mmCIF file of all heavy atoms, coordinates in Angstrom:
data_MODEL
# 
_entry.id   MODEL 
# 
loop_
_atom_site.group_PDB 
_atom_site.id 
_atom_site.type_symbol 
_atom_site.label_atom_id 
_atom_site.label_alt_id 
_atom_site.label_comp_id 
_atom_site.label_asym_id 
_atom_site.label_entity_id 
_atom_site.label_seq_id 
_atom_site.pdbx_PDB_ins_code 
_atom_site.Cartn_x 
_atom_site.Cartn_y 
_atom_site.Cartn_z 
_atom_site.occupancy 
_atom_site.B_iso_or_equiv 
_atom_site.pdbx_formal_charge 
_atom_site.auth_seq_id 
_atom_site.auth_comp_id 
_atom_site.auth_asym_id 
_atom_site.auth_atom_id 
_atom_site.pdbx_PDB_model_num 
ATOM 1   N N   . MET A 1 1  ? 0.837  -1.193 0.000   1.00 0.00 ? 1  MET A N   1 
ATOM 2   C CA  . MET A 1 1  ? 0.000  0.000  0.000   1.00 0.00 ? 1  MET A CA  1 
ATOM 3   C C   . MET A 1 1  ? 0.879  1.254  0.000   1.00 0.00 ? 1  MET A C   1 
ATOM 4   O O   . MET A 1 1  ? 1.632  1.478  0.949   1.00 0.00 ? 1  MET A O   1 
ATOM 5   C CB  . MET A 1 1  ? -0.897 -0.006 1.232   1.00 0.00 ? 1  MET A CB  1 
ATOM 6   C CG  . MET A 1 1  ? -1.938 1.104  1.215   1.00 0.00 ? 1  MET A CG  1 
ATOM 7   S SD  . MET A 1 1  ? -3.237 0.763  0.022   1.00 0.00 ? 1  MET A SD  1 
ATOM 8   C CE  . MET A 1 1  ? -3.981 -0.692 0.782   1.00 0.00 ? 1  MET A CE  1 
ATOM 9   N N   . PRO A 1 2  ? 0.815  2.070  -1.059  1.00 0.00 ? 2  PRO A N   1 
ATOM 10  C CA  . PRO A 1 2  ? 1.654  3.286  -1.079  1.00 0.00 ? 2  PRO A CA  1 
ATOM 11  C C   . PRO A 1 2  ? 1.166  4.303  -0.057  1.00 0.00 ? 2  PRO A C   1 
ATOM 12  O O   . PRO A 1 2  ? -0.036 4.564  0.052   1.00 0.00 ? 2  PRO A O   1 
ATOM 13  C CB  . PRO A 1 2  ? 1.477  3.797  -2.513  1.00 0.00 ? 2  PRO A CB  1 
ATOM 14  C CG  . PRO A 1 2  ? 0.178  3.233  -2.980  1.00 0.00 ? 2  PRO A CG  1 
ATOM 15  C CD  . PRO A 1 2  ? 0.011  1.927  -2.280  1.00 0.00 ? 2  PRO A CD  1 
ATOM 16  N N   . GLU A 1 3  ? 2.094  4.871  0.691   1.00 0.00 ? 3  GLU A N   1 
ATOM 17  C CA  . GLU A 1 3  ? 1.762  5.897  1.674   1.00 0.00 ? 3  GLU A CA  1 
ATOM 18  C C   . GLU A 1 3  ? 2.117  7.294  1.175   1.00 0.00 ? 3  GLU A C   1 
ATOM 19  O O   . GLU A 1 3  ? 1.526  8.280  1.633   1.00 0.00 ? 3  GLU A O   1 
ATOM 20  C CB  . GLU A 1 3  ? 2.492  5.617  2.990   1.00 0.00 ? 3  GLU A CB  1 
ATOM 21  C CG  . GLU A 1 3  ? 2.053  4.319  3.670   1.00 0.00 ? 3  GLU A CG  1 
ATOM 22  C CD  . GLU A 1 3  ? 2.742  4.110  5.010   1.00 0.00 ? 3  GLU A CD  1 
ATOM 23  O OE1 . GLU A 1 3  ? 3.523  4.995  5.419   1.00 0.00 ? 3  GLU A OE1 1 
ATOM 24  O OE2 . GLU A 1 3  ? 2.495  3.074  5.641   1.00 0.00 ? 3  GLU A OE2 1 
ATOM 25  N N   . ASP A 1 4  ? 3.076  7.385  0.280   1.00 0.00 ? 4  ASP A N   1 
ATOM 26  C CA  . ASP A 1 4  ? 3.487  8.675  -0.279  1.00 0.00 ? 4  ASP A CA  1 
ATOM 27  C C   . ASP A 1 4  ? 3.022  8.786  -1.719  1.00 0.00 ? 4  ASP A C   1 
ATOM 28  O O   . ASP A 1 4  ? 3.022  7.800  -2.464  1.00 0.00 ? 4  ASP A O   1 
ATOM 29  C CB  . ASP A 1 4  ? 5.006  8.834  -0.217  1.00 0.00 ? 4  ASP A CB  1 
ATOM 30  C CG  . ASP A 1 4  ? 5.525  8.813  1.214   1.00 0.00 ? 4  ASP A CG  1 
ATOM 31  O OD1 . ASP A 1 4  ? 4.818  9.346  2.097   1.00 0.00 ? 4  ASP A OD1 1 
ATOM 32  O OD2 . ASP A 1 4  ? 6.611  8.262  1.444   1.00 0.00 ? 4  ASP A OD2 1 
ATOM 33  N N   . LYS A 1 5  ? 2.646  9.985  -2.100  1.00 0.00 ? 5  LYS A N   1 
ATOM 34  C CA  . LYS A 1 5  ? 2.180  10.216 -3.466  1.00 0.00 ? 5  LYS A CA  1 
ATOM 35  C C   . LYS A 1 5  ? 3.318  10.036 -4.473  1.00 0.00 ? 5  LYS A C   1 
ATOM 36  O O   . LYS A 1 5  ? 4.498  10.252 -4.158  1.00 0.00 ? 5  LYS A O   1 
ATOM 37  C CB  . LYS A 1 5  ? 1.598  11.624 -3.591  1.00 0.00 ? 5  LYS A CB  1 
ATOM 38  C CG  . LYS A 1 5  ? 2.623  12.735 -3.399  1.00 0.00 ? 5  LYS A CG  1 
ATOM 39  C CD  . LYS A 1 5  ? 1.991  14.099 -3.543  1.00 0.00 ? 5  LYS A CD  1 
ATOM 40  C CE  . LYS A 1 5  ? 2.983  15.205 -3.233  1.00 0.00 ? 5  LYS A CE  1 
ATOM 41  N NZ  . LYS A 1 5  ? 4.119  15.265 -4.148  1.00 0.00 ? 5  LYS A NZ  1 
ATOM 42  N N   . GLU A 1 6  ? 2.977  9.642  -5.671  1.00 0.00 ? 6  GLU A N   1 
ATOM 43  C CA  . GLU A 1 6  ? 3.933  9.528  -6.763  1.00 0.00 ? 6  GLU A CA  1 
ATOM 44  C C   . GLU A 1 6  ? 4.075  10.868 -7.488  1.00 0.00 ? 6  GLU A C   1 
ATOM 45  O O   . GLU A 1 6  ? 5.151  11.295 -7.861  1.00 0.00 ? 6  GLU A O   1 
ATOM 46  C CB  . GLU A 1 6  ? 3.493  8.446  -7.740  1.00 0.00 ? 6  GLU A CB  1 
ATOM 47  C CG  . GLU A 1 6  ? 4.389  8.263  -8.949  1.00 0.00 ? 6  GLU A CG  1 
ATOM 48  C CD  . GLU A 1 6  ? 5.772  7.763  -8.586  1.00 0.00 ? 6  GLU A CD  1 
ATOM 49  O OE1 . GLU A 1 6  ? 5.936  7.154  -7.510  1.00 0.00 ? 6  GLU A OE1 1 
ATOM 50  O OE2 . GLU A 1 6  ? 6.706  7.987  -9.383  1.00 0.00 ? 6  GLU A OE2 1 
ATOM 51  N N   . HIS A 1 7  ? 2.983  11.516 -7.721  1.00 0.00 ? 7  HIS A N   1 
ATOM 52  C CA  . HIS A 1 7  ? 2.937  12.849 -8.307  1.00 0.00 ? 7  HIS A CA  1 
ATOM 53  C C   . HIS A 1 7  ? 1.604  13.484 -7.938  1.00 0.00 ? 7  HIS A C   1 
ATOM 54  O O   . HIS A 1 7  ? 0.723  12.788 -7.444  1.00 0.00 ? 7  HIS A O   1 
ATOM 55  C CB  . HIS A 1 7  ? 3.157  12.815 -9.831  1.00 0.00 ? 7  HIS A CB  1 
ATOM 56  C CG  . HIS A 1 7  ? 2.276  11.880 -10.589 1.00 0.00 ? 7  HIS A CG  1 
ATOM 57  N ND1 . HIS A 1 7  ? 2.596  10.565 -10.854 1.00 0.00 ? 7  HIS A ND1 1 
ATOM 58  C CD2 . HIS A 1 7  ? 1.037  12.058 -11.127 1.00 0.00 ? 7  HIS A CD2 1 
ATOM 59  C CE1 . HIS A 1 7  ? 1.627  9.994  -11.532 1.00 0.00 ? 7  HIS A CE1 1 
ATOM 60  N NE2 . HIS A 1 7  ? 0.667  10.865 -11.702 1.00 0.00 ? 7  HIS A NE2 1 
ATOM 61  N N   . PRO A 1 8  ? 1.481  14.802 -8.085  1.00 0.00 ? 8  PRO A N   1 
ATOM 62  C CA  . PRO A 1 8  ? 2.379  15.727 -8.791  1.00 0.00 ? 8  PRO A CA  1 
ATOM 63  C C   . PRO A 1 8  ? 3.580  16.141 -7.951  1.00 0.00 ? 8  PRO A C   1 
ATOM 64  O O   . PRO A 1 8  ? 3.510  16.128 -6.719  1.00 0.00 ? 8  PRO A O   1 
ATOM 65  C CB  . PRO A 1 8  ? 1.465  16.938 -9.045  1.00 0.00 ? 8  PRO A CB  1 
ATOM 66  C CG  . PRO A 1 8  ? 0.503  16.916 -7.908  1.00 0.00 ? 8  PRO A CG  1 
ATOM 67  C CD  . PRO A 1 8  ? 0.250  15.467 -7.608  1.00 0.00 ? 8  PRO A CD  1 
ATOM 68  N N   . LYS A 1 9  ? 4.657  16.515 -8.633  1.00 0.00 ? 9  LYS A N   1 
ATOM 69  C CA  . LYS A 1 9  ? 5.844  17.054 -7.978  1.00 0.00 ? 9  LYS A CA  1 
ATOM 70  C C   . LYS A 1 9  ? 5.642  18.565 -7.839  1.00 0.00 ? 9  LYS A C   1 
ATOM 71  O O   . LYS A 1 9  ? 6.047  19.351 -8.694  1.00 0.00 ? 9  LYS A O   1 
ATOM 72  C CB  . LYS A 1 9  ? 7.098  16.745 -8.790  1.00 0.00 ? 9  LYS A CB  1 
ATOM 73  C CG  . LYS A 1 9  ? 7.247  15.287 -9.196  1.00 0.00 ? 9  LYS A CG  1 
ATOM 74  C CD  . LYS A 1 9  ? 7.460  14.389 -7.995  1.00 0.00 ? 9  LYS A CD  1 
ATOM 75  C CE  . LYS A 1 9  ? 7.735  12.940 -8.431  1.00 0.00 ? 9  LYS A CE  1 
ATOM 76  N NZ  . LYS A 1 9  ? 7.864  12.029 -7.287  1.00 0.00 ? 9  LYS A NZ  1 
ATOM 77  N N   . ARG A 1 10 ? 5.000  18.955 -6.758  1.00 0.00 ? 10 ARG A N   1 
ATOM 78  C CA  . ARG A 1 10 ? 4.551  20.350 -6.626  1.00 0.00 ? 10 ARG A CA  1 
ATOM 79  C C   . ARG A 1 10 ? 5.719  21.330 -6.591  1.00 0.00 ? 10 ARG A C   1 
ATOM 80  O O   . ARG A 1 10 ? 5.649  22.413 -7.189  1.00 0.00 ? 10 ARG A O   1 
ATOM 81  C CB  . ARG A 1 10 ? 3.682  20.492 -5.378  1.00 0.00 ? 10 ARG A CB  1 
ATOM 82  C CG  . ARG A 1 10 ? 2.357  19.750 -5.508  1.00 0.00 ? 10 ARG A CG  1 
ATOM 83  C CD  . ARG A 1 10 ? 1.408  20.064 -4.368  1.00 0.00 ? 10 ARG A CD  1 
ATOM 84  N NE  . ARG A 1 10 ? 0.118  19.435 -4.595  1.00 0.00 ? 10 ARG A NE  1 
ATOM 85  C CZ  . ARG A 1 10 ? -0.208 18.212 -4.195  1.00 0.00 ? 10 ARG A CZ  1 
ATOM 86  N NH1 . ARG A 1 10 ? 0.678  17.494 -3.527  1.00 0.00 ? 10 ARG A NH1 1 
ATOM 87  N NH2 . ARG A 1 10 ? -1.396 17.710 -4.455  1.00 0.00 ? 10 ARG A NH2 1 
ATOM 88  N N   . ALA A 1 11 ? 6.782  21.006 -5.887  1.00 0.00 ? 11 ALA A N   1 
ATOM 89  C CA  . ALA A 1 11 ? 7.937  21.912 -5.819  1.00 0.00 ? 11 ALA A CA  1 
ATOM 90  C C   . ALA A 1 11 ? 8.534  22.126 -7.206  1.00 0.00 ? 11 ALA A C   1 
ATOM 91  O O   . ALA A 1 11 ? 8.871  23.251 -7.584  1.00 0.00 ? 11 ALA A O   1 
ATOM 92  C CB  . ALA A 1 11 ? 8.985  21.355 -4.867  1.00 0.00 ? 11 ALA A CB  1 
ATOM 93  N N   . MET A 1 12 ? 8.631  21.042 -7.986  1.00 0.00 ? 12 MET A N   1 
ATOM 94  C CA  . MET A 1 12 ? 9.191  21.148 -9.332  1.00 0.00 ? 12 MET A CA  1 
ATOM 95  C C   . MET A 1 12 ? 8.290  21.980 -10.231 1.00 0.00 ? 12 MET A C   1 
ATOM 96  O O   . MET A 1 12 ? 8.766  22.775 -11.055 1.00 0.00 ? 12 MET A O   1 
ATOM 97  C CB  . MET A 1 12 ? 9.381  19.749 -9.924  1.00 0.00 ? 12 MET A CB  1 
ATOM 98  C CG  . MET A 1 12 ? 10.102 19.730 -11.261 1.00 0.00 ? 12 MET A CG  1 
ATOM 99  S SD  . MET A 1 12 ? 11.772 20.417 -11.160 1.00 0.00 ? 12 MET A SD  1 
ATOM 100 C CE  . MET A 1 12 ? 12.558 19.200 -10.100 1.00 0.00 ? 12 MET A CE  1 
ATOM 101 N N   . ILE A 1 13 ? 6.963  21.804 -10.096 1.00 0.00 ? 13 ILE A N   1 
ATOM 102 C CA  . ILE A 1 13 ? 6.015  22.594 -10.888 1.00 0.00 ? 13 ILE A CA  1 
ATOM 103 C C   . ILE A 1 13 ? 6.196  24.082 -10.596 1.00 0.00 ? 13 ILE A C   1 
ATOM 104 O O   . ILE A 1 13 ? 6.220  24.914 -11.503 1.00 0.00 ? 13 ILE A O   1 
ATOM 105 C CB  . ILE A 1 13 ? 4.571  22.152 -10.588 1.00 0.00 ? 13 ILE A CB  1 
ATOM 106 C CG1 . ILE A 1 13 ? 4.319  20.748 -11.131 1.00 0.00 ? 13 ILE A CG1 1 
ATOM 107 C CG2 . ILE A 1 13 ? 3.563  23.128 -11.192 1.00 0.00 ? 13 ILE A CG2 1 
ATOM 108 C CD1 . ILE A 1 13 ? 2.967  20.166 -10.751 1.00 0.00 ? 13 ILE A CD1 1 
ATOM 109 N N   . CYS A 1 14 ? 6.327  24.422 -9.298  1.00 0.00 ? 14 CYS A N   1 
ATOM 110 C CA  . CYS A 1 14 ? 6.495  25.827 -8.903  1.00 0.00 ? 14 CYS A CA  1 
ATOM 111 C C   . CYS A 1 14 ? 7.804  26.402 -9.435  1.00 0.00 ? 14 CYS A C   1 
ATOM 112 O O   . CYS A 1 14 ? 7.836  27.542 -9.937  1.00 0.00 ? 14 CYS A O   1 
ATOM 113 C CB  . CYS A 1 14 ? 6.442  25.958 -7.387  1.00 0.00 ? 14 CYS A CB  1 
ATOM 114 S SG  . CYS A 1 14 ? 4.837  25.532 -6.673  1.00 0.00 ? 14 CYS A SG  1 
ATOM 115 N N   . ILE A 1 15 ? 8.875  25.633 -9.343  1.00 0.00 ? 15 ILE A N   1 
ATOM 116 C CA  . ILE A 1 15 ? 10.182 26.111 -9.816  1.00 0.00 ? 15 ILE A CA  1 
ATOM 117 C C   . ILE A 1 15 ? 10.168 26.333 -11.317 1.00 0.00 ? 15 ILE A C   1 
ATOM 118 O O   . ILE A 1 15 ? 10.598 27.384 -11.818 1.00 0.00 ? 15 ILE A O   1 
ATOM 119 C CB  . ILE A 1 15 ? 11.292 25.115 -9.421  1.00 0.00 ? 15 ILE A CB  1 
ATOM 120 C CG1 . ILE A 1 15 ? 11.483 25.109 -7.892  1.00 0.00 ? 15 ILE A CG1 1 
ATOM 121 C CG2 . ILE A 1 15 ? 12.602 25.458 -10.122 1.00 0.00 ? 15 ILE A CG2 1 
ATOM 122 C CD1 . ILE A 1 15 ? 12.376 23.996 -7.395  1.00 0.00 ? 15 ILE A CD1 1 
ATOM 123 N N   . ILE A 1 16 ? 9.666  25.345 -12.057 1.00 0.00 ? 16 ILE A N   1 
ATOM 124 C CA  . ILE A 1 16 ? 9.638  25.453 -13.523 1.00 0.00 ? 16 ILE A CA  1 
ATOM 125 C C   . ILE A 1 16 ? 8.720  26.589 -13.958 1.00 0.00 ? 16 ILE A C   1 
ATOM 126 O O   . ILE A 1 16 ? 9.050  27.372 -14.857 1.00 0.00 ? 16 ILE A O   1 
ATOM 127 C CB  . ILE A 1 16 ? 9.190  24.120 -14.144 1.00 0.00 ? 16 ILE A CB  1 
ATOM 128 C CG1 . ILE A 1 16 ? 10.256 23.041 -13.900 1.00 0.00 ? 16 ILE A CG1 1 
ATOM 129 C CG2 . ILE A 1 16 ? 8.929  24.276 -15.639 1.00 0.00 ? 16 ILE A CG2 1 
ATOM 130 C CD1 . ILE A 1 16 ? 9.854  21.656 -14.347 1.00 0.00 ? 16 ILE A CD1 1 
ATOM 131 N N   . GLY A 1 17 ? 7.545  26.700 -13.319 1.00 0.00 ? 17 GLY A N   1 
ATOM 132 C CA  . GLY A 1 17 ? 6.618  27.775 -13.665 1.00 0.00 ? 17 GLY A CA  1 
ATOM 133 C C   . GLY A 1 17 ? 7.217  29.147 -13.429 1.00 0.00 ? 17 GLY A C   1 
ATOM 134 O O   . GLY A 1 17 ? 7.065  30.065 -14.253 1.00 0.00 ? 17 GLY A O   1 
ATOM 135 N N   . THR A 1 18 ? 7.922  29.299 -12.306 1.00 0.00 ? 18 THR A N   1 
ATOM 136 C CA  . THR A 1 18 ? 8.557  30.579 -11.999 1.00 0.00 ? 18 THR A CA  1 
ATOM 137 C C   . THR A 1 18 ? 9.677  30.893 -12.988 1.00 0.00 ? 18 THR A C   1 
ATOM 138 O O   . THR A 1 18 ? 9.814  32.037 -13.450 1.00 0.00 ? 18 THR A O   1 
ATOM 139 C CB  . THR A 1 18 ? 9.127  30.557 -10.565 1.00 0.00 ? 18 THR A CB  1 
ATOM 140 O OG1 . THR A 1 18 ? 8.079  30.254 -9.642  1.00 0.00 ? 18 THR A OG1 1 
ATOM 141 C CG2 . THR A 1 18 ? 9.730  31.905 -10.202 1.00 0.00 ? 18 THR A CG2 1 
ATOM 142 N N   . LEU A 1 19 ? 10.462 29.884 -13.335 1.00 0.00 ? 19 LEU A N   1 
ATOM 143 C CA  . LEU A 1 19 ? 11.547 30.087 -14.306 1.00 0.00 ? 19 LEU A CA  1 
ATOM 144 C C   . LEU A 1 19 ? 10.998 30.485 -15.673 1.00 0.00 ? 19 LEU A C   1 
ATOM 145 O O   . LEU A 1 19 ? 11.535 31.392 -16.329 1.00 0.00 ? 19 LEU A O   1 
ATOM 146 C CB  . LEU A 1 19 ? 12.382 28.807 -14.427 1.00 0.00 ? 19 LEU A CB  1 
ATOM 147 C CG  . LEU A 1 19 ? 13.352 28.515 -13.279 1.00 0.00 ? 19 LEU A CG  1 
ATOM 148 C CD1 . LEU A 1 19 ? 14.008 27.155 -13.471 1.00 0.00 ? 19 LEU A CD1 1 
ATOM 149 C CD2 . LEU A 1 19 ? 14.414 29.606 -13.160 1.00 0.00 ? 19 LEU A CD2 1 
ATOM 150 N N   . ILE A 1 20 ? 9.937  29.811 -16.103 1.00 0.00 ? 20 ILE A N   1 
ATOM 151 C CA  . ILE A 1 20 ? 9.337  30.144 -17.400 1.00 0.00 ? 20 ILE A CA  1 
ATOM 152 C C   . ILE A 1 20 ? 8.808  31.574 -17.386 1.00 0.00 ? 20 ILE A C   1 
ATOM 153 O O   . ILE A 1 20 ? 9.003  32.338 -18.331 1.00 0.00 ? 20 ILE A O   1 
ATOM 154 C CB  . ILE A 1 20 ? 8.206  29.149 -17.736 1.00 0.00 ? 20 ILE A CB  1 
ATOM 155 C CG1 . ILE A 1 20 ? 8.793  27.763 -18.017 1.00 0.00 ? 20 ILE A CG1 1 
ATOM 156 C CG2 . ILE A 1 20 ? 7.398  29.630 -18.935 1.00 0.00 ? 20 ILE A CG2 1 
ATOM 157 C CD1 . ILE A 1 20 ? 7.760  26.680 -18.213 1.00 0.00 ? 20 ILE A CD1 1 
ATOM 158 N N   . GLY A 1 21 ? 8.138  31.941 -16.275 1.00 0.00 ? 21 GLY A N   1 
ATOM 159 C CA  . GLY A 1 21 ? 7.648  33.309 -16.157 1.00 0.00 ? 21 GLY A CA  1 
ATOM 160 C C   . GLY A 1 21 ? 8.771  34.327 -16.178 1.00 0.00 ? 21 GLY A C   1 
ATOM 161 O O   . GLY A 1 21 ? 8.652  35.392 -16.811 1.00 0.00 ? 21 GLY A O   1 
ATOM 162 N N   . GLY A 1 22 ? 9.893  34.003 -15.498 1.00 0.00 ? 22 GLY A N   1 
ATOM 163 C CA  . GLY A 1 22 ? 11.036 34.905 -15.493 1.00 0.00 ? 22 GLY A CA  1 
ATOM 164 C C   . GLY A 1 22 ? 11.637 35.075 -16.870 1.00 0.00 ? 22 GLY A C   1 
ATOM 165 O O   . GLY A 1 22 ? 11.967 36.200 -17.284 1.00 0.00 ? 22 GLY A O   1 
ATOM 166 N N   . ILE A 1 23 ? 11.761 33.974 -17.589 1.00 0.00 ? 23 ILE A N   1 
ATOM 167 C CA  . ILE A 1 23 ? 12.341 34.045 -18.943 1.00 0.00 ? 23 ILE A CA  1 
ATOM 168 C C   . ILE A 1 23 ? 11.438 34.850 -19.874 1.00 0.00 ? 23 ILE A C   1 
ATOM 169 O O   . ILE A 1 23 ? 11.907 35.680 -20.663 1.00 0.00 ? 23 ILE A O   1 
ATOM 170 C CB  . ILE A 1 23 ? 12.563 32.613 -19.489 1.00 0.00 ? 23 ILE A CB  1 
ATOM 171 C CG1 . ILE A 1 23 ? 13.669 31.913 -18.692 1.00 0.00 ? 23 ILE A CG1 1 
ATOM 172 C CG2 . ILE A 1 23 ? 12.922 32.655 -20.973 1.00 0.00 ? 23 ILE A CG2 1 
ATOM 173 C CD1 . ILE A 1 23 ? 13.789 30.439 -18.981 1.00 0.00 ? 23 ILE A CD1 1 
ATOM 174 N N   . ILE A 1 24 ? 10.125 34.592 -19.793 1.00 0.00 ? 24 ILE A N   1 
ATOM 175 C CA  . ILE A 1 24 ? 9.176  35.337 -20.640 1.00 0.00 ? 24 ILE A CA  1 
ATOM 176 C C   . ILE A 1 24 ? 9.220  36.825 -20.315 1.00 0.00 ? 24 ILE A C   1 
ATOM 177 O O   . ILE A 1 24 ? 9.159  37.687 -21.210 1.00 0.00 ? 24 ILE A O   1 
ATOM 178 C CB  . ILE A 1 24 ? 7.751  34.784 -20.453 1.00 0.00 ? 24 ILE A CB  1 
ATOM 179 C CG1 . ILE A 1 24 ? 7.662  33.368 -21.025 1.00 0.00 ? 24 ILE A CG1 1 
ATOM 180 C CG2 . ILE A 1 24 ? 6.715  35.690 -21.127 1.00 0.00 ? 24 ILE A CG2 1 
ATOM 181 C CD1 . ILE A 1 24 ? 6.339  32.675 -20.781 1.00 0.00 ? 24 ILE A CD1 1 
ATOM 182 N N   . SER A 1 25 ? 9.350  37.161 -19.016 1.00 0.00 ? 25 SER A N   1 
ATOM 183 C CA  . SER A 1 25 ? 9.401  38.577 -18.624 1.00 0.00 ? 25 SER A CA  1 
ATOM 184 C C   . SER A 1 25 ? 10.661 39.259 -19.162 1.00 0.00 ? 25 SER A C   1 
ATOM 185 O O   . SER A 1 25 ? 10.619 40.420 -19.598 1.00 0.00 ? 25 SER A O   1 
ATOM 186 C CB  . SER A 1 25 ? 9.333  38.695 -17.097 1.00 0.00 ? 25 SER A CB  1 
ATOM 187 O OG  . SER A 1 25 ? 10.513 38.197 -16.486 1.00 0.00 ? 25 SER A OG  1 
ATOM 188 N N   . LEU A 1 26 ? 11.784 38.558 -19.151 1.00 0.00 ? 26 LEU A N   1 
ATOM 189 C CA  . LEU A 1 26 ? 13.035 39.132 -19.685 1.00 0.00 ? 26 LEU A CA  1 
ATOM 190 C C   . LEU A 1 26 ? 12.925 39.365 -21.193 1.00 0.00 ? 26 LEU A C   1 
ATOM 191 O O   . LEU A 1 26 ? 13.344 40.413 -21.708 1.00 0.00 ? 26 LEU A O   1 
ATOM 192 C CB  . LEU A 1 26 ? 14.206 38.205 -19.383 1.00 0.00 ? 26 LEU A CB  1 
ATOM 193 C CG  . LEU A 1 26 ? 14.597 38.044 -17.904 1.00 0.00 ? 26 LEU A CG  1 
ATOM 194 C CD1 . LEU A 1 26 ? 15.703 37.005 -17.763 1.00 0.00 ? 26 LEU A CD1 1 
ATOM 195 C CD2 . LEU A 1 26 ? 15.036 39.371 -17.299 1.00 0.00 ? 26 LEU A CD2 1 
ATOM 196 N N   . ILE A 1 27 ? 12.351 38.375 -21.884 1.00 0.00 ? 27 ILE A N   1 
ATOM 197 C CA  . ILE A 1 27 ? 12.170 38.515 -23.336 1.00 0.00 ? 27 ILE A CA  1 
ATOM 198 C C   . ILE A 1 27 ? 11.212 39.667 -23.636 1.00 0.00 ? 27 ILE A C   1 
ATOM 199 O O   . ILE A 1 27 ? 11.430 40.460 -24.558 1.00 0.00 ? 27 ILE A O   1 
ATOM 200 C CB  . ILE A 1 27 ? 11.663 37.191 -23.941 1.00 0.00 ? 27 ILE A CB  1 
ATOM 201 C CG1 . ILE A 1 27 ? 12.724 36.101 -23.801 1.00 0.00 ? 27 ILE A CG1 1 
ATOM 202 C CG2 . ILE A 1 27 ? 11.289 37.381 -25.411 1.00 0.00 ? 27 ILE A CG2 1 
ATOM 203 C CD1 . ILE A 1 27 ? 12.249 34.718 -24.199 1.00 0.00 ? 27 ILE A CD1 1 
# 
């Protein structure tokens, strides 16, 4: 019985989303 979730990887989603937003803002 799994006790820990497999996904979503929330920290990774936040990091990638912030990076994409930063890159778009610079462009």
